[in-house]
N, C-alpha and C. Protein backbone atom coordinates (compact mmCIF):
# COMPACT_ATOMS: atom_id res chain seq x y z
N MET A 1 -1.44 23.20 18.03
CA MET A 1 -1.57 21.63 17.17
C MET A 1 -2.94 21.70 17.02
N ALA A 2 -2.91 20.58 16.15
CA ALA A 2 -4.25 20.19 15.69
C ALA A 2 -5.08 19.31 16.61
N GLU A 3 -6.17 19.15 16.40
CA GLU A 3 -6.90 18.27 17.37
C GLU A 3 -6.68 17.13 16.72
N ALA A 4 -6.34 16.00 17.60
CA ALA A 4 -6.23 14.26 17.08
C ALA A 4 -7.17 14.27 16.06
N GLY A 5 -8.56 14.18 16.00
CA GLY A 5 -9.32 13.65 14.99
C GLY A 5 -9.32 14.54 13.74
N SER A 6 -8.51 15.91 13.63
CA SER A 6 -8.10 16.72 12.36
C SER A 6 -7.26 15.76 11.70
N ILE A 7 -6.21 15.14 12.18
CA ILE A 7 -5.10 14.38 11.20
C ILE A 7 -5.71 13.30 10.08
N ASN A 8 -5.10 13.84 8.85
CA ASN A 8 -5.09 13.07 7.73
C ASN A 8 -3.99 12.60 6.93
N LEU A 9 -4.06 11.36 6.93
CA LEU A 9 -2.72 10.80 6.62
C LEU A 9 -3.22 9.95 5.32
N THR A 10 -4.03 10.43 4.39
CA THR A 10 -4.39 9.95 2.98
C THR A 10 -2.87 10.04 2.26
N ASN A 11 -2.62 9.53 1.23
CA ASN A 11 -1.23 9.50 0.58
C ASN A 11 -0.18 9.47 1.06
N GLN A 12 -0.30 8.82 2.20
CA GLN A 12 1.39 8.90 3.07
C GLN A 12 1.53 7.33 3.53
N PHE A 13 2.69 7.29 3.81
CA PHE A 13 3.20 5.91 4.01
C PHE A 13 3.25 6.19 5.71
N LEU A 14 2.82 5.00 5.99
CA LEU A 14 3.26 4.63 7.44
C LEU A 14 4.44 3.59 7.04
N ILE A 15 5.37 3.56 8.20
CA ILE A 15 6.50 2.69 8.18
C ILE A 15 6.38 2.43 9.62
N ALA A 16 6.49 0.98 9.94
CA ALA A 16 6.43 0.39 11.22
C ALA A 16 7.88 0.52 11.91
N MET A 17 7.57 1.08 13.30
CA MET A 17 8.91 0.89 14.05
C MET A 17 9.40 -0.21 14.59
N PRO A 18 10.65 -0.50 14.79
CA PRO A 18 10.87 -1.94 15.05
C PRO A 18 10.21 -1.82 16.43
N GLY A 19 10.03 -3.28 16.53
CA GLY A 19 9.60 -3.88 17.94
C GLY A 19 7.76 -3.54 17.59
N MET A 20 7.75 -3.26 16.07
CA MET A 20 5.73 -3.39 16.46
C MET A 20 5.54 -4.66 16.71
N ALA A 21 4.55 -4.74 17.78
CA ALA A 21 4.14 -6.23 18.28
C ALA A 21 2.96 -6.68 17.69
N ASP A 22 2.63 -6.48 16.74
CA ASP A 22 1.28 -7.06 15.47
C ASP A 22 2.65 -7.71 14.29
N ASP A 23 2.58 -8.43 14.22
CA ASP A 23 3.56 -9.48 13.08
C ASP A 23 3.10 -9.28 11.79
N SER A 24 1.63 -9.08 11.51
CA SER A 24 1.13 -8.52 10.27
C SER A 24 1.85 -7.36 9.77
N PHE A 25 2.34 -6.67 10.96
CA PHE A 25 3.12 -5.19 10.14
C PHE A 25 4.55 -4.67 10.75
N SER A 26 5.37 -6.05 11.42
CA SER A 26 6.27 -5.80 11.65
C SER A 26 7.34 -5.76 10.08
N GLY A 27 7.98 -4.40 10.03
CA GLY A 27 8.94 -4.09 8.91
C GLY A 27 8.11 -3.71 7.89
N ALA A 28 6.93 -3.13 7.86
CA ALA A 28 6.04 -2.87 7.02
C ALA A 28 5.98 -1.52 6.79
N VAL A 29 5.39 -1.50 4.93
CA VAL A 29 5.44 0.02 4.71
C VAL A 29 3.76 -0.07 4.18
N VAL A 30 2.98 0.98 4.40
CA VAL A 30 2.02 0.82 4.18
C VAL A 30 1.56 1.99 3.43
N TYR A 31 1.27 2.01 2.33
CA TYR A 31 0.42 2.91 1.67
C TYR A 31 -1.14 3.52 1.80
N LEU A 32 -1.14 4.72 2.60
CA LEU A 32 -2.51 4.70 3.02
C LEU A 32 -3.27 5.28 2.02
N CYS A 33 -4.32 4.67 1.74
CA CYS A 33 -5.17 5.31 0.45
C CYS A 33 -6.33 6.18 1.07
N GLU A 34 -6.60 5.93 2.15
CA GLU A 34 -7.96 6.49 2.36
C GLU A 34 -7.75 6.93 4.56
N HIS A 35 -7.80 7.64 4.92
CA HIS A 35 -7.81 8.27 6.42
C HIS A 35 -8.69 9.20 6.74
N ASN A 36 -9.86 8.98 7.40
CA ASN A 36 -10.91 10.25 8.08
C ASN A 36 -11.47 9.77 8.96
N GLU A 37 -12.17 10.33 9.67
CA GLU A 37 -12.80 10.12 11.07
C GLU A 37 -13.51 8.83 11.29
N ARG A 38 -13.50 7.96 10.25
CA ARG A 38 -14.07 6.66 10.73
C ARG A 38 -13.01 5.80 10.66
N GLY A 39 -11.95 5.87 10.22
CA GLY A 39 -10.62 5.19 10.43
C GLY A 39 -9.78 5.37 9.18
N ALA A 40 -9.20 3.97 8.78
CA ALA A 40 -7.96 4.25 7.94
C ALA A 40 -8.19 3.28 6.73
N LEU A 41 -7.60 2.87 5.76
CA LEU A 41 -7.51 2.03 4.88
C LEU A 41 -6.21 2.19 4.06
N GLY A 42 -5.65 1.31 3.70
CA GLY A 42 -3.66 1.47 3.08
C GLY A 42 -3.63 -0.30 3.08
N LEU A 43 -2.55 -0.41 2.08
CA LEU A 43 -2.34 -1.48 1.40
C LEU A 43 -0.27 -1.65 1.65
N VAL A 44 -0.28 -2.68 2.52
CA VAL A 44 1.33 -2.97 2.37
C VAL A 44 1.99 -3.15 1.27
N ILE A 45 3.42 -2.54 1.07
CA ILE A 45 3.90 -2.40 -0.55
C ILE A 45 4.96 -3.26 -0.06
N ASN A 46 5.49 -3.77 0.84
CA ASN A 46 6.83 -4.51 0.90
C ASN A 46 6.86 -5.80 1.50
N ARG A 47 5.50 -6.86 1.18
CA ARG A 47 5.41 -8.12 1.60
C ARG A 47 4.98 -8.99 0.24
N PRO A 48 5.83 -9.30 -0.72
CA PRO A 48 5.52 -10.56 -1.69
C PRO A 48 5.25 -11.50 -0.96
N ILE A 49 4.10 -12.34 -1.72
CA ILE A 49 3.82 -13.95 -1.28
C ILE A 49 4.42 -14.58 -2.48
N ASP A 50 4.03 -15.81 -2.18
CA ASP A 50 4.64 -16.54 -3.41
C ASP A 50 3.43 -16.72 -4.53
N ILE A 51 2.83 -15.94 -5.07
CA ILE A 51 2.01 -15.81 -6.09
C ILE A 51 2.37 -14.82 -6.96
N THR A 52 2.61 -15.44 -8.31
CA THR A 52 3.04 -14.21 -9.36
C THR A 52 1.65 -13.63 -9.84
N LEU A 53 1.53 -12.65 -10.56
CA LEU A 53 0.79 -12.02 -11.21
C LEU A 53 -0.27 -13.07 -12.43
N ALA A 54 1.24 -13.81 -13.21
CA ALA A 54 0.61 -14.57 -14.13
C ALA A 54 -0.31 -15.99 -13.32
N ASN A 55 0.19 -16.26 -11.80
CA ASN A 55 -0.64 -17.45 -11.52
C ASN A 55 -2.15 -16.74 -10.92
N LEU A 56 -2.19 -15.30 -10.34
CA LEU A 56 -3.13 -14.95 -10.03
C LEU A 56 -4.12 -14.85 -11.11
N PHE A 57 -3.36 -14.30 -12.25
CA PHE A 57 -4.48 -14.38 -13.63
C PHE A 57 -5.11 -14.99 -14.13
N GLU A 58 -4.26 -16.75 -14.20
CA GLU A 58 -5.00 -18.04 -14.41
C GLU A 58 -6.24 -18.22 -13.31
N LYS A 59 -5.74 -17.83 -11.54
CA LYS A 59 -6.79 -18.01 -10.83
C LYS A 59 -8.64 -17.60 -11.58
N VAL A 60 -8.05 -16.34 -11.60
CA VAL A 60 -9.37 -15.53 -12.45
C VAL A 60 -9.86 -15.72 -13.82
N GLU A 61 -9.04 -17.05 -14.29
CA GLU A 61 -9.64 -17.51 -15.66
C GLU A 61 -9.26 -15.98 -16.63
N LEU A 62 -7.92 -15.47 -16.36
CA LEU A 62 -7.72 -14.25 -17.40
C LEU A 62 -6.38 -14.41 -18.22
N SER A 63 -6.06 -14.22 -19.28
CA SER A 63 -4.71 -14.93 -19.68
C SER A 63 -4.01 -13.39 -19.84
N LEU A 64 -2.59 -13.03 -19.19
CA LEU A 64 -2.05 -11.94 -19.32
C LEU A 64 -1.03 -11.87 -20.04
N GLU A 65 -1.18 -10.91 -20.96
CA GLU A 65 -0.33 -10.71 -21.92
C GLU A 65 0.54 -9.81 -21.99
N ARG A 66 0.68 -8.64 -20.72
CA ARG A 66 1.92 -7.80 -20.44
C ARG A 66 3.27 -8.49 -20.12
N GLU A 67 4.02 -8.63 -20.91
CA GLU A 67 5.45 -9.18 -20.62
C GLU A 67 6.14 -8.51 -19.46
N ASP A 68 5.74 -7.25 -19.17
CA ASP A 68 6.27 -6.47 -18.06
C ASP A 68 5.56 -6.94 -16.57
N LEU A 69 4.55 -7.71 -16.96
CA LEU A 69 3.65 -7.98 -15.56
C LEU A 69 3.79 -9.17 -14.97
N ILE A 70 4.33 -10.26 -16.17
CA ILE A 70 3.57 -11.64 -15.72
C ILE A 70 4.53 -12.28 -14.71
N GLY A 71 6.23 -11.71 -14.02
CA GLY A 71 6.47 -12.53 -13.43
C GLY A 71 6.73 -11.85 -12.17
N LEU A 72 5.65 -10.66 -12.00
CA LEU A 72 5.90 -10.06 -10.58
C LEU A 72 5.25 -10.35 -9.67
N PRO A 73 5.49 -10.19 -8.33
CA PRO A 73 4.62 -10.90 -7.37
C PRO A 73 3.63 -10.32 -6.47
N VAL A 74 2.39 -10.95 -6.38
CA VAL A 74 1.67 -10.64 -5.42
C VAL A 74 1.73 -10.10 -4.30
N TYR A 75 1.60 -8.97 -3.26
CA TYR A 75 1.28 -8.58 -2.08
C TYR A 75 0.44 -9.48 -1.34
N TYR A 76 0.97 -9.35 0.00
CA TYR A 76 -0.09 -9.24 1.14
C TYR A 76 -0.28 -7.62 1.70
N GLY A 77 -1.67 -7.38 0.91
CA GLY A 77 -1.58 -5.94 1.31
C GLY A 77 -2.17 -5.48 3.06
N GLY A 78 -2.77 -6.66 3.76
CA GLY A 78 -3.01 -6.57 5.28
C GLY A 78 -3.79 -7.70 5.47
N PRO A 79 -4.30 -7.74 7.09
CA PRO A 79 -4.78 -9.04 7.48
C PRO A 79 -6.62 -8.77 7.15
N VAL A 80 -7.02 -8.01 6.58
CA VAL A 80 -8.52 -7.45 6.27
C VAL A 80 -8.66 -8.18 4.71
N HIS A 81 -9.90 -9.33 4.64
CA HIS A 81 -10.27 -9.63 3.37
C HIS A 81 -8.88 -10.28 2.23
N THR A 82 -8.26 -11.19 3.14
CA THR A 82 -7.08 -12.12 2.17
C THR A 82 -7.24 -12.68 1.15
N GLU A 83 -8.84 -12.45 0.88
CA GLU A 83 -9.52 -13.45 -0.39
C GLU A 83 -9.94 -12.25 -1.51
N ARG A 84 -9.70 -11.27 -1.03
CA ARG A 84 -9.74 -10.01 -2.12
C ARG A 84 -8.77 -9.39 -2.73
N GLY A 85 -8.86 -9.40 -4.17
CA GLY A 85 -7.72 -8.27 -4.87
C GLY A 85 -7.81 -6.88 -5.08
N PHE A 86 -6.70 -6.08 -4.34
CA PHE A 86 -6.40 -4.98 -4.37
C PHE A 86 -5.17 -4.29 -5.42
N VAL A 87 -5.73 -3.52 -6.20
CA VAL A 87 -4.89 -3.08 -7.30
C VAL A 87 -4.78 -1.66 -7.31
N LEU A 88 -3.26 -1.11 -6.37
CA LEU A 88 -2.61 0.19 -6.42
C LEU A 88 -2.05 0.65 -7.76
N HIS A 89 -2.22 1.56 -8.57
CA HIS A 89 -1.98 1.80 -9.72
C HIS A 89 -1.78 3.48 -9.74
N ASP A 90 -1.00 3.55 -11.04
CA ASP A 90 -1.04 5.28 -11.17
C ASP A 90 -2.74 5.74 -11.58
N ARG A 91 -2.79 6.70 -11.95
CA ARG A 91 -4.43 7.47 -12.22
C ARG A 91 -3.95 6.97 -13.84
N VAL A 92 -5.38 6.57 -14.08
CA VAL A 92 -5.36 5.97 -15.23
C VAL A 92 -6.57 7.29 -16.30
N SER A 93 -7.08 8.20 -15.59
CA SER A 93 -7.90 9.00 -15.92
C SER A 93 -8.10 9.89 -16.92
N ASP A 94 -6.15 9.89 -17.44
CA ASP A 94 -5.93 10.83 -18.30
C ASP A 94 -6.09 10.31 -19.75
N ASP A 95 -6.11 8.99 -19.49
CA ASP A 95 -6.30 8.44 -21.01
C ASP A 95 -7.86 8.09 -21.02
N GLY A 96 -8.67 8.64 -20.43
CA GLY A 96 -10.27 8.29 -20.61
C GLY A 96 -10.40 6.83 -19.73
N ALA A 97 -9.90 6.36 -19.27
CA ALA A 97 -9.85 4.64 -18.83
C ALA A 97 -10.87 4.96 -17.12
N SER A 98 -11.63 4.27 -16.96
CA SER A 98 -12.20 4.27 -15.93
C SER A 98 -12.64 2.85 -15.30
N PHE A 99 -12.69 2.64 -14.07
CA PHE A 99 -13.08 1.43 -13.74
C PHE A 99 -14.47 1.20 -12.78
N SER A 100 -14.94 0.34 -12.62
CA SER A 100 -16.28 0.39 -11.97
C SER A 100 -15.78 0.33 -10.28
N SER A 101 -14.64 0.29 -9.64
CA SER A 101 -15.08 0.55 -8.22
C SER A 101 -13.55 0.72 -8.00
N THR A 102 -13.16 2.12 -8.15
CA THR A 102 -12.12 2.96 -8.14
C THR A 102 -12.06 4.11 -7.14
N LEU A 103 -10.76 3.82 -5.91
CA LEU A 103 -10.41 5.25 -4.74
C LEU A 103 -9.88 6.02 -5.59
N THR A 104 -10.02 7.13 -5.54
CA THR A 104 -8.71 8.21 -5.99
C THR A 104 -8.45 8.98 -4.93
N VAL A 105 -7.23 8.61 -4.62
CA VAL A 105 -6.10 8.94 -3.53
C VAL A 105 -6.05 10.47 -3.73
N PRO A 106 -6.34 11.41 -3.33
CA PRO A 106 -6.40 12.63 -3.60
C PRO A 106 -4.64 13.24 -3.64
N ASP A 107 -4.45 13.60 -4.57
CA ASP A 107 -2.95 14.02 -5.15
C ASP A 107 -1.90 12.74 -4.96
N GLY A 108 -2.74 11.75 -4.92
CA GLY A 108 -1.81 10.36 -5.20
C GLY A 108 -2.37 9.30 -6.20
N LEU A 109 -2.22 8.05 -6.18
CA LEU A 109 -2.74 7.01 -6.81
C LEU A 109 -3.98 6.76 -6.82
N GLU A 110 -4.47 5.27 -7.60
CA GLU A 110 -5.57 5.06 -7.56
C GLU A 110 -5.67 3.91 -6.78
N MET A 111 -6.57 3.13 -6.19
CA MET A 111 -6.84 1.79 -5.99
C MET A 111 -8.22 1.15 -6.58
N THR A 112 -8.00 0.05 -7.06
CA THR A 112 -9.39 -0.45 -7.75
C THR A 112 -9.74 -1.86 -7.22
N THR A 113 -10.70 -2.18 -6.85
CA THR A 113 -11.17 -3.37 -6.43
C THR A 113 -12.00 -4.38 -7.36
N SER A 114 -12.55 -3.71 -8.51
CA SER A 114 -13.23 -4.37 -9.75
C SER A 114 -12.42 -4.95 -10.75
N ARG A 115 -13.09 -6.21 -10.99
CA ARG A 115 -12.61 -7.23 -11.92
C ARG A 115 -12.26 -6.44 -13.60
N ASP A 116 -12.90 -5.34 -13.73
CA ASP A 116 -12.61 -4.62 -14.75
C ASP A 116 -11.07 -4.28 -14.87
N VAL A 117 -10.37 -4.36 -14.40
CA VAL A 117 -8.63 -3.54 -14.22
C VAL A 117 -7.89 -4.68 -14.72
N LEU A 118 -8.16 -5.88 -13.88
CA LEU A 118 -7.33 -7.19 -14.85
C LEU A 118 -7.91 -7.27 -15.63
N GLU A 119 -9.03 -7.36 -16.65
CA GLU A 119 -9.41 -7.35 -17.72
C GLU A 119 -8.55 -6.77 -18.56
N ALA A 120 -8.27 -5.06 -18.42
CA ALA A 120 -7.90 -4.23 -19.24
C ALA A 120 -6.50 -4.69 -19.19
N LEU A 121 -5.75 -4.90 -17.59
CA LEU A 121 -4.18 -5.22 -17.47
C LEU A 121 -3.93 -6.50 -18.46
N ALA A 122 -4.85 -7.38 -18.83
CA ALA A 122 -4.90 -8.67 -19.41
C ALA A 122 -4.86 -8.57 -20.76
N GLY A 123 -5.42 -7.86 -21.16
CA GLY A 123 -5.61 -7.22 -22.70
C GLY A 123 -4.49 -6.25 -23.24
N GLY A 124 -3.51 -5.84 -22.00
CA GLY A 124 -2.35 -4.79 -22.76
C GLY A 124 -2.38 -3.81 -22.40
N ALA A 125 -3.72 -3.28 -21.53
CA ALA A 125 -3.70 -2.07 -21.44
C ALA A 125 -4.28 -1.73 -19.86
N GLY A 126 -4.82 -0.68 -19.68
CA GLY A 126 -4.74 -0.57 -17.87
C GLY A 126 -3.78 0.65 -17.47
N PRO A 127 -3.52 0.47 -16.20
CA PRO A 127 -2.67 1.31 -16.02
C PRO A 127 -1.00 0.83 -16.25
N ARG A 128 -0.24 1.63 -16.31
CA ARG A 128 1.18 1.35 -16.63
C ARG A 128 1.63 0.83 -15.47
N ARG A 129 1.50 1.24 -14.09
CA ARG A 129 2.13 0.68 -13.21
C ARG A 129 1.24 0.04 -12.01
N VAL A 130 1.55 -1.04 -11.59
CA VAL A 130 0.50 -1.62 -10.78
C VAL A 130 0.90 -2.04 -9.69
N LEU A 131 0.74 -2.30 -8.47
CA LEU A 131 0.89 -3.31 -7.06
C LEU A 131 -0.06 -3.85 -6.91
N ILE A 132 0.05 -5.30 -6.95
CA ILE A 132 -1.44 -5.95 -6.69
C ILE A 132 -1.49 -6.73 -5.42
N THR A 133 -2.52 -6.52 -4.31
CA THR A 133 -2.19 -7.23 -3.08
C THR A 133 -3.39 -7.83 -3.22
N LEU A 134 -3.34 -8.97 -2.28
CA LEU A 134 -4.52 -9.72 -1.70
C LEU A 134 -5.01 -9.38 0.09
N GLY A 135 -6.06 -8.67 0.10
CA GLY A 135 -6.58 -8.29 1.70
C GLY A 135 -5.51 -7.01 1.30
N TYR A 136 -6.13 -6.01 2.45
CA TYR A 136 -6.08 -4.52 2.84
C TYR A 136 -5.49 -4.65 4.37
N SER A 137 -5.35 -3.22 4.82
CA SER A 137 -4.95 -2.91 6.17
C SER A 137 -5.97 -2.04 6.66
N GLY A 138 -6.39 -2.18 7.67
CA GLY A 138 -7.60 -1.25 7.91
C GLY A 138 -7.75 -1.34 9.09
N TRP A 139 -8.00 0.13 9.55
CA TRP A 139 -8.00 0.57 11.19
C TRP A 139 -9.22 1.13 11.49
N GLY A 140 -9.93 1.19 12.74
CA GLY A 140 -11.57 1.99 12.96
C GLY A 140 -11.38 2.99 13.59
N ALA A 141 -12.18 3.76 13.78
CA ALA A 141 -12.06 5.49 14.26
C ALA A 141 -11.25 4.89 15.37
N GLY A 142 -10.26 6.36 15.32
CA GLY A 142 -9.27 6.74 16.49
C GLY A 142 -8.07 5.44 16.19
N GLN A 143 -8.44 4.08 16.27
CA GLN A 143 -7.04 3.45 16.58
C GLN A 143 -6.34 3.41 16.04
N LEU A 144 -5.98 4.20 14.35
CA LEU A 144 -4.62 4.40 13.82
C LEU A 144 -3.92 5.65 14.90
N GLU A 145 -4.55 6.75 15.04
CA GLU A 145 -3.84 7.86 15.90
C GLU A 145 -3.67 6.90 17.58
N ASP A 146 -4.31 6.21 17.93
CA ASP A 146 -3.56 5.55 18.92
C ASP A 146 -2.47 4.86 19.07
N GLU A 147 -2.26 3.97 17.68
CA GLU A 147 -0.73 3.54 17.27
C GLU A 147 0.04 4.71 17.26
N LEU A 148 -0.31 5.74 16.42
CA LEU A 148 0.62 6.77 16.59
C LEU A 148 1.17 7.31 17.55
N ALA A 149 0.34 7.47 18.39
CA ALA A 149 0.48 8.25 20.10
C ALA A 149 1.29 7.45 20.79
N ARG A 150 1.29 5.99 20.35
CA ARG A 150 2.34 4.99 21.51
C ARG A 150 3.37 4.83 20.35
N ASN A 151 3.95 5.48 19.37
CA ASN A 151 5.09 5.16 18.71
C ASN A 151 5.14 4.08 17.84
N GLY A 152 4.00 3.61 17.35
CA GLY A 152 3.93 2.32 16.18
C GLY A 152 4.63 2.80 15.01
N TRP A 153 4.61 3.89 14.69
CA TRP A 153 4.62 3.81 13.01
C TRP A 153 5.02 5.88 13.01
N LEU A 154 5.84 5.91 12.08
CA LEU A 154 6.71 6.71 11.74
C LEU A 154 5.57 7.30 10.16
N THR A 155 5.09 8.69 9.81
CA THR A 155 4.28 8.56 8.57
C THR A 155 5.59 10.07 7.91
N VAL A 156 5.42 9.80 6.79
CA VAL A 156 5.91 10.50 5.79
C VAL A 156 4.98 10.81 4.26
N ALA A 157 4.89 11.91 3.41
CA ALA A 157 4.41 11.75 2.19
C ALA A 157 4.81 10.62 1.26
N ALA A 158 3.99 10.04 0.77
CA ALA A 158 4.15 8.83 -0.50
C ALA A 158 4.92 9.19 -1.06
N ASP A 159 5.84 8.18 -1.72
CA ASP A 159 6.46 8.57 -2.82
C ASP A 159 6.26 7.52 -3.65
N PRO A 160 5.61 7.59 -5.37
CA PRO A 160 5.30 6.47 -6.00
C PRO A 160 6.57 5.58 -6.49
N GLY A 161 7.79 6.48 -6.15
CA GLY A 161 9.08 5.77 -6.51
C GLY A 161 9.25 4.57 -5.63
N VAL A 162 9.00 5.05 -4.24
CA VAL A 162 9.07 3.65 -3.50
C VAL A 162 8.44 2.41 -4.09
N ILE A 163 7.19 2.62 -4.51
CA ILE A 163 6.14 1.53 -4.31
C ILE A 163 6.92 0.93 -6.11
N PHE A 164 6.57 1.51 -7.09
CA PHE A 164 6.81 1.09 -8.27
C PHE A 164 8.49 1.17 -9.13
N ASP A 165 9.02 1.64 -8.21
CA ASP A 165 10.34 1.63 -8.91
C ASP A 165 11.67 1.07 -7.86
N THR A 166 11.32 0.82 -6.88
CA THR A 166 12.71 0.29 -5.89
C THR A 166 12.51 -1.10 -5.64
N PRO A 167 13.30 -1.67 -5.35
CA PRO A 167 13.11 -3.18 -4.83
C PRO A 167 12.29 -3.74 -4.02
N VAL A 168 11.93 -4.55 -3.54
CA VAL A 168 10.90 -5.05 -2.60
C VAL A 168 12.16 -4.61 -1.23
N GLU A 169 12.90 -5.25 -1.37
CA GLU A 169 14.03 -5.23 -0.15
C GLU A 169 14.37 -3.96 0.46
N ASP A 170 14.28 -3.15 -0.61
CA ASP A 170 14.70 -1.36 -0.40
C ASP A 170 13.90 -0.58 0.12
N ARG A 171 12.68 -1.06 0.02
CA ARG A 171 11.43 -0.17 0.40
C ARG A 171 11.29 0.42 1.43
N TYR A 172 11.50 -0.44 2.51
CA TYR A 172 11.78 0.27 3.87
C TYR A 172 12.45 1.10 4.18
N ARG A 173 13.59 0.76 4.00
CA ARG A 173 15.00 1.47 3.99
C ARG A 173 14.85 2.91 3.19
N ARG A 174 14.08 2.99 1.92
CA ARG A 174 13.77 4.19 1.00
C ARG A 174 12.67 5.02 1.71
N ALA A 175 11.97 4.44 2.20
CA ALA A 175 10.89 5.33 3.18
C ALA A 175 11.43 5.75 4.30
N LEU A 176 12.34 5.19 4.97
CA LEU A 176 13.21 6.00 5.89
C LEU A 176 13.37 7.03 5.42
N ALA A 177 14.43 6.99 4.46
CA ALA A 177 15.16 7.89 3.63
C ALA A 177 14.16 8.93 3.65
N LEU A 178 13.26 8.95 3.14
CA LEU A 178 12.24 10.34 2.99
C LEU A 178 12.34 11.14 4.12
N LEU A 179 12.60 10.70 5.50
CA LEU A 179 12.49 11.60 6.74
C LEU A 179 13.76 11.80 6.91
N GLY A 180 14.92 11.41 6.30
CA GLY A 180 16.32 11.10 6.40
C GLY A 180 16.80 10.74 7.68
N ILE A 181 16.12 9.31 8.00
CA ILE A 181 16.58 8.62 8.68
C ILE A 181 17.19 7.05 8.30
N ASP A 182 17.64 6.59 8.84
CA ASP A 182 18.53 5.26 8.72
C ASP A 182 18.21 4.44 9.43
N PRO A 183 17.88 3.00 8.64
CA PRO A 183 17.01 2.05 9.98
C PRO A 183 18.03 1.69 11.07
N GLY A 184 19.50 1.96 11.18
CA GLY A 184 19.97 1.73 12.11
C GLY A 184 20.04 2.72 13.29
N MET A 185 19.05 4.12 13.04
CA MET A 185 19.29 4.96 14.06
C MET A 185 18.11 5.11 14.77
N LEU A 186 16.80 3.77 14.38
CA LEU A 186 15.80 3.30 15.05
C LEU A 186 16.16 2.13 16.04
N SER A 187 15.21 2.66 17.13
CA SER A 187 15.72 1.68 18.55
C SER A 187 13.99 1.56 19.00
N GLN A 188 14.10 -0.11 18.88
CA GLN A 188 12.70 -0.87 19.63
C GLN A 188 12.31 -0.19 20.86
N GLU A 189 12.96 0.86 21.65
CA GLU A 189 12.38 1.30 23.05
C GLU A 189 11.71 2.48 22.53
N ALA A 190 10.49 2.55 22.77
CA ALA A 190 10.21 3.98 22.85
C ALA A 190 10.35 4.88 23.76
N GLY A 191 10.16 6.15 23.92
CA GLY A 191 10.42 6.82 24.75
C GLY A 191 10.19 8.32 24.96
N HIS A 192 10.06 9.22 26.06
CA HIS A 192 9.96 10.66 26.16
C HIS A 192 11.21 11.34 26.65
N ALA A 193 11.26 12.68 26.20
CA ALA A 193 12.48 13.16 26.73
C ALA A 193 11.49 13.89 28.03
């Protein structure tokens, strides 16, 4: 068995177990952008808020021209820095585009926090598929491992189709299905055999 410190859940979904005590994460699916010895950073992918991308772009004084994005919701990414935007998107390096502040998730997606990605999207360019959040989810060193040991989360390799191609109300169920689990099979009680 691997040592607790060697676990790496980057490019995985965290799926909140029923009975999650923290309301910020009850019923949440989190895409983990980074997980290492210093902690973890992720974005909740199934909590839309009452702001559309068109509204968000207006607030940052950009005109969004991409019809496919105008009506999409902004998401609650987590309880940390809820005033800041985070753009989870397909990799764009294949077309030569790059942004000034992008975290490339190994074997996964990219997360950009700089305004230049919004400017590219406003101009009709940029990544094809995006999920934009306000705020992110963060854990200090050892904190996520402790929550996992207390049966707070299930983990599974992330599937971008759940993020970009699945209706928001089905994302929790689809993430569980990646593990072969139906939501009705889960109990709120943690137990040990």
